[in-house]
């Protein structure tokens, strides 16, 4: 399960050839590489993963709600390759 991250920082990194995805917590770097290769048809050079910790927050009724931990992957592609979904439309 790979979902692209569209934030200002991730779009800035996309111009440098580094693309950010939300991934499953149990995904390994090899499984991420295989999935990106299969879905987008590109060659992955490097993968960095980041795990965020879960936390407890309160909702609007004052009840405590657990926010589950998540994991992101920053994927660097081979020189000259791009992912079209991260390209900004021309104005």
N, C-alpha and C. Protein backbone atom coordinates (compact mmCIF):
# COMPACT_ATOMS: atom_id res chain seq x y z
N UNK A 1 0.84 -1.17 0.00
CA UNK A 1 0.00 0.00 0.00
C UNK A 1 0.89 1.24 0.00
N UNK A 2 0.88 1.97 -1.08
CA UNK A 2 1.68 3.18 -1.20
C UNK A 2 0.75 4.32 -1.58
N UNK A 3 0.86 5.43 -0.83
CA UNK A 3 0.08 6.63 -1.13
C UNK A 3 1.05 7.80 -1.20
N UNK A 4 1.00 8.61 -2.25
CA UNK A 4 1.91 9.76 -2.35
C UNK A 4 1.56 10.84 -1.33
N UNK A 5 2.58 11.56 -0.89
CA UNK A 5 2.42 12.67 0.05
C UNK A 5 2.55 13.96 -0.75
N UNK A 6 1.52 14.82 -0.70
CA UNK A 6 1.54 16.09 -1.41
C UNK A 6 1.56 17.23 -0.41
N UNK A 7 2.74 17.60 0.03
CA UNK A 7 2.92 18.76 0.89
C UNK A 7 3.92 19.68 0.21
N UNK A 8 4.10 20.87 0.76
CA UNK A 8 5.06 21.80 0.16
C UNK A 8 6.46 21.21 0.18
N UNK A 9 6.81 20.59 1.29
CA UNK A 9 8.15 20.00 1.42
C UNK A 9 8.34 18.83 0.46
N UNK A 10 7.34 17.97 0.33
CA UNK A 10 7.49 16.81 -0.55
C UNK A 10 7.54 17.24 -2.02
N UNK A 11 6.80 18.28 -2.38
CA UNK A 11 6.85 18.77 -3.76
C UNK A 11 8.20 19.43 -4.05
N UNK A 12 8.78 20.08 -3.04
CA UNK A 12 10.11 20.67 -3.20
C UNK A 12 11.15 19.56 -3.39
N UNK A 13 11.02 18.46 -2.63
CA UNK A 13 11.93 17.33 -2.79
C UNK A 13 11.74 16.63 -4.14
N UNK A 14 10.50 16.66 -4.67
CA UNK A 14 10.23 16.01 -5.95
C UNK A 14 11.01 16.67 -7.08
N UNK A 15 11.28 17.97 -6.96
CA UNK A 15 12.10 18.65 -7.98
C UNK A 15 13.54 18.16 -7.95
N UNK A 16 13.96 17.60 -6.82
CA UNK A 16 15.32 17.06 -6.69
C UNK A 16 15.38 15.57 -7.00
N UNK A 17 14.24 14.97 -7.36
CA UNK A 17 14.21 13.55 -7.69
C UNK A 17 13.96 12.65 -6.50
N UNK A 18 13.44 13.22 -5.39
CA UNK A 18 13.13 12.43 -4.19
C UNK A 18 11.63 12.51 -3.96
N UNK A 19 10.97 11.37 -3.97
CA UNK A 19 9.51 11.31 -3.89
C UNK A 19 9.09 10.67 -2.58
N UNK A 20 8.06 11.25 -1.94
CA UNK A 20 7.63 10.83 -0.61
C UNK A 20 6.31 10.08 -0.69
N UNK A 21 6.23 8.96 0.04
CA UNK A 21 5.03 8.12 0.06
C UNK A 21 4.70 7.72 1.49
N UNK A 22 3.39 7.62 1.80
CA UNK A 22 2.94 6.96 3.02
C UNK A 22 2.95 5.48 2.72
N UNK A 23 3.46 4.68 3.64
CA UNK A 23 3.54 3.23 3.43
C UNK A 23 2.98 2.52 4.65
N UNK A 24 2.82 1.22 4.55
CA UNK A 24 2.37 0.42 5.69
C UNK A 24 3.46 0.32 6.74
N UNK A 25 3.07 0.18 7.99
CA UNK A 25 4.05 0.15 9.08
C UNK A 25 4.98 -1.05 9.00
N UNK A 26 4.56 -2.13 8.40
CA UNK A 26 5.37 -3.34 8.35
C UNK A 26 6.13 -3.49 7.03
N UNK A 27 6.04 -2.53 6.13
CA UNK A 27 6.73 -2.61 4.84
C UNK A 27 8.24 -2.47 5.02
N UNK A 28 9.00 -3.27 4.26
CA UNK A 28 10.45 -3.19 4.28
C UNK A 28 10.92 -2.39 3.07
N UNK A 29 12.19 -2.02 3.08
CA UNK A 29 12.72 -1.24 1.96
C UNK A 29 12.66 -2.04 0.66
N UNK A 30 12.91 -3.34 0.73
CA UNK A 30 12.85 -4.17 -0.48
C UNK A 30 11.43 -4.24 -1.03
N UNK A 31 10.44 -4.38 -0.16
CA UNK A 31 9.06 -4.44 -0.64
C UNK A 31 8.62 -3.10 -1.22
N UNK A 32 9.10 -1.99 -0.64
CA UNK A 32 8.79 -0.66 -1.16
C UNK A 32 9.40 -0.50 -2.55
N UNK A 33 10.66 -0.92 -2.68
CA UNK A 33 11.35 -0.81 -3.98
C UNK A 33 10.62 -1.61 -5.05
N UNK A 34 10.22 -2.84 -4.74
CA UNK A 34 9.52 -3.67 -5.71
C UNK A 34 8.17 -3.07 -6.09
N UNK A 35 7.46 -2.51 -5.13
CA UNK A 35 6.15 -1.95 -5.41
C UNK A 35 6.25 -0.68 -6.26
N UNK A 36 7.22 0.19 -5.96
CA UNK A 36 7.40 1.40 -6.77
C UNK A 36 7.83 1.03 -8.18
N UNK A 37 8.72 0.06 -8.32
CA UNK A 37 9.14 -0.39 -9.66
C UNK A 37 7.96 -0.94 -10.45
N UNK A 38 7.10 -1.72 -9.79
CA UNK A 38 5.97 -2.34 -10.47
C UNK A 38 4.90 -1.32 -10.85
N UNK A 39 4.57 -0.40 -9.94
CA UNK A 39 3.49 0.56 -10.19
C UNK A 39 3.90 1.62 -11.20
N UNK A 40 5.08 2.22 -11.02
CA UNK A 40 5.47 3.37 -11.83
C UNK A 40 6.45 3.03 -12.96
N UNK A 41 7.05 1.85 -12.95
CA UNK A 41 7.99 1.47 -14.00
C UNK A 41 9.27 2.28 -14.00
N UNK A 42 9.82 2.56 -12.82
CA UNK A 42 11.06 3.32 -12.69
C UNK A 42 12.08 2.50 -11.91
N UNK A 43 13.32 2.99 -11.84
CA UNK A 43 14.38 2.30 -11.12
C UNK A 43 14.70 3.09 -9.85
N UNK A 44 14.63 2.44 -8.71
CA UNK A 44 14.86 3.08 -7.41
C UNK A 44 16.34 2.94 -7.04
N UNK A 45 16.97 4.07 -6.67
CA UNK A 45 18.36 4.05 -6.22
C UNK A 45 18.47 3.92 -4.72
N UNK A 46 17.64 4.68 -3.98
CA UNK A 46 17.80 4.74 -2.53
C UNK A 46 16.43 4.93 -1.88
N UNK A 47 16.27 4.38 -0.68
CA UNK A 47 15.04 4.53 0.08
C UNK A 47 15.41 4.88 1.51
N UNK A 48 14.78 5.94 2.02
CA UNK A 48 14.91 6.31 3.43
C UNK A 48 13.54 6.20 4.05
N UNK A 49 13.44 5.58 5.21
CA UNK A 49 12.15 5.44 5.88
C UNK A 49 12.13 6.24 7.17
N UNK A 50 10.95 6.76 7.51
CA UNK A 50 10.76 7.56 8.70
C UNK A 50 9.52 7.02 9.41
N UNK A 51 9.64 6.70 10.70
CA UNK A 51 8.52 6.23 11.49
C UNK A 51 8.11 7.31 12.46
N UNK A 52 6.82 7.69 12.45
CA UNK A 52 6.32 8.66 13.40
C UNK A 52 5.66 7.91 14.55
N UNK A 53 5.78 8.43 15.73
CA UNK A 53 5.23 7.78 16.91
C UNK A 53 3.75 8.08 17.05
N UNK A 54 3.03 7.14 17.59
CA UNK A 54 1.62 7.36 17.89
C UNK A 54 1.49 8.30 19.08
N UNK A 55 0.33 8.88 19.22
CA UNK A 55 0.12 9.80 20.33
C UNK A 55 -1.34 9.77 20.76
N UNK A 56 -1.62 10.34 21.89
CA UNK A 56 -2.99 10.42 22.38
C UNK A 56 -3.48 11.86 22.25
N UNK A 57 -4.64 12.04 21.67
CA UNK A 57 -5.23 13.37 21.51
C UNK A 57 -6.64 13.34 22.06
N UNK A 58 -7.21 14.50 22.23
CA UNK A 58 -8.60 14.59 22.69
C UNK A 58 -9.46 15.09 21.54
N UNK A 59 -10.64 14.49 21.40
CA UNK A 59 -11.55 14.92 20.35
C UNK A 59 -12.44 16.05 20.86
N UNK A 60 -13.42 16.47 20.06
CA UNK A 60 -14.23 17.63 20.43
C UNK A 60 -15.15 17.34 21.62
N UNK A 61 -15.36 16.10 21.97
CA UNK A 61 -16.16 15.76 23.15
C UNK A 61 -15.30 15.60 24.40
N UNK A 62 -14.01 15.76 24.27
CA UNK A 62 -13.11 15.66 25.40
C UNK A 62 -12.61 14.25 25.67
N UNK A 63 -13.01 13.30 24.82
CA UNK A 63 -12.58 11.92 25.01
C UNK A 63 -11.19 11.73 24.41
N UNK A 64 -10.41 10.87 25.05
CA UNK A 64 -9.07 10.61 24.57
C UNK A 64 -9.11 9.61 23.41
N UNK A 65 -8.39 9.94 22.33
CA UNK A 65 -8.36 9.11 21.13
C UNK A 65 -6.90 8.82 20.80
N UNK A 66 -6.61 7.58 20.45
CA UNK A 66 -5.24 7.20 20.09
C UNK A 66 -5.02 7.44 18.59
N UNK A 67 -3.91 8.10 18.26
CA UNK A 67 -3.49 8.29 16.88
C UNK A 67 -2.40 7.26 16.62
N UNK A 68 -2.64 6.39 15.66
CA UNK A 68 -1.71 5.28 15.39
C UNK A 68 -0.41 5.78 14.78
N UNK A 69 0.70 5.09 15.03
CA UNK A 69 1.96 5.46 14.39
C UNK A 69 1.90 5.21 12.89
N UNK A 70 2.62 6.01 12.12
CA UNK A 70 2.64 5.89 10.66
C UNK A 70 4.09 5.79 10.19
N UNK A 71 4.24 5.52 8.90
CA UNK A 71 5.58 5.37 8.33
C UNK A 71 5.60 6.02 6.95
N UNK A 72 6.68 6.74 6.65
CA UNK A 72 6.87 7.37 5.35
C UNK A 72 8.14 6.83 4.71
N UNK A 73 8.18 6.88 3.39
CA UNK A 73 9.40 6.50 2.66
C UNK A 73 9.74 7.62 1.69
N UNK A 74 11.01 8.00 1.65
CA UNK A 74 11.51 8.96 0.67
C UNK A 74 12.33 8.15 -0.33
N UNK A 75 11.85 8.12 -1.57
CA UNK A 75 12.42 7.28 -2.61
C UNK A 75 13.21 8.15 -3.59
N UNK A 76 14.46 7.80 -3.82
CA UNK A 76 15.31 8.50 -4.79
C UNK A 76 15.38 7.63 -6.04
N UNK A 77 15.10 8.24 -7.19
CA UNK A 77 15.11 7.51 -8.46
C UNK A 77 16.43 7.68 -9.19
N UNK A 78 16.63 6.84 -10.19
CA UNK A 78 17.79 6.91 -11.07
C UNK A 78 17.78 8.26 -11.79
N UNK A 79 18.95 8.78 -12.13
CA UNK A 79 19.04 10.07 -12.81
C UNK A 79 18.23 10.08 -14.10
N UNK A 80 17.47 11.15 -14.30
CA UNK A 80 16.69 11.30 -15.52
C UNK A 80 15.28 10.73 -15.45
N UNK A 81 14.93 10.03 -14.37
CA UNK A 81 13.58 9.46 -14.25
C UNK A 81 12.73 10.34 -13.35
N UNK A 82 11.43 10.43 -13.68
CA UNK A 82 10.49 11.26 -12.93
C UNK A 82 9.20 10.49 -12.72
N UNK A 83 8.43 10.95 -11.74
CA UNK A 83 7.07 10.46 -11.54
C UNK A 83 6.13 11.60 -11.89
N UNK A 84 5.22 11.35 -12.83
CA UNK A 84 4.34 12.40 -13.34
C UNK A 84 3.33 12.88 -12.31
N UNK A 85 2.98 12.05 -11.33
CA UNK A 85 1.96 12.48 -10.37
C UNK A 85 2.45 13.61 -9.48
N UNK A 86 3.77 13.80 -9.36
CA UNK A 86 4.31 14.87 -8.53
C UNK A 86 4.59 16.14 -9.32
N UNK A 87 4.36 16.13 -10.62
CA UNK A 87 4.58 17.31 -11.43
C UNK A 87 3.43 18.30 -11.25
N UNK A 88 3.76 19.56 -11.05
CA UNK A 88 2.73 20.59 -10.89
C UNK A 88 2.21 20.99 -12.26
N UNK A 89 0.88 21.23 -12.37
CA UNK A 89 0.34 21.65 -13.66
C UNK A 89 0.85 23.04 -14.04
N UNK A 90 1.09 23.25 -15.32
CA UNK A 90 1.58 24.55 -15.78
C UNK A 90 0.43 25.54 -15.85
N UNK A 91 0.71 26.76 -15.45
CA UNK A 91 -0.33 27.79 -15.43
C UNK A 91 -0.35 28.59 -16.70
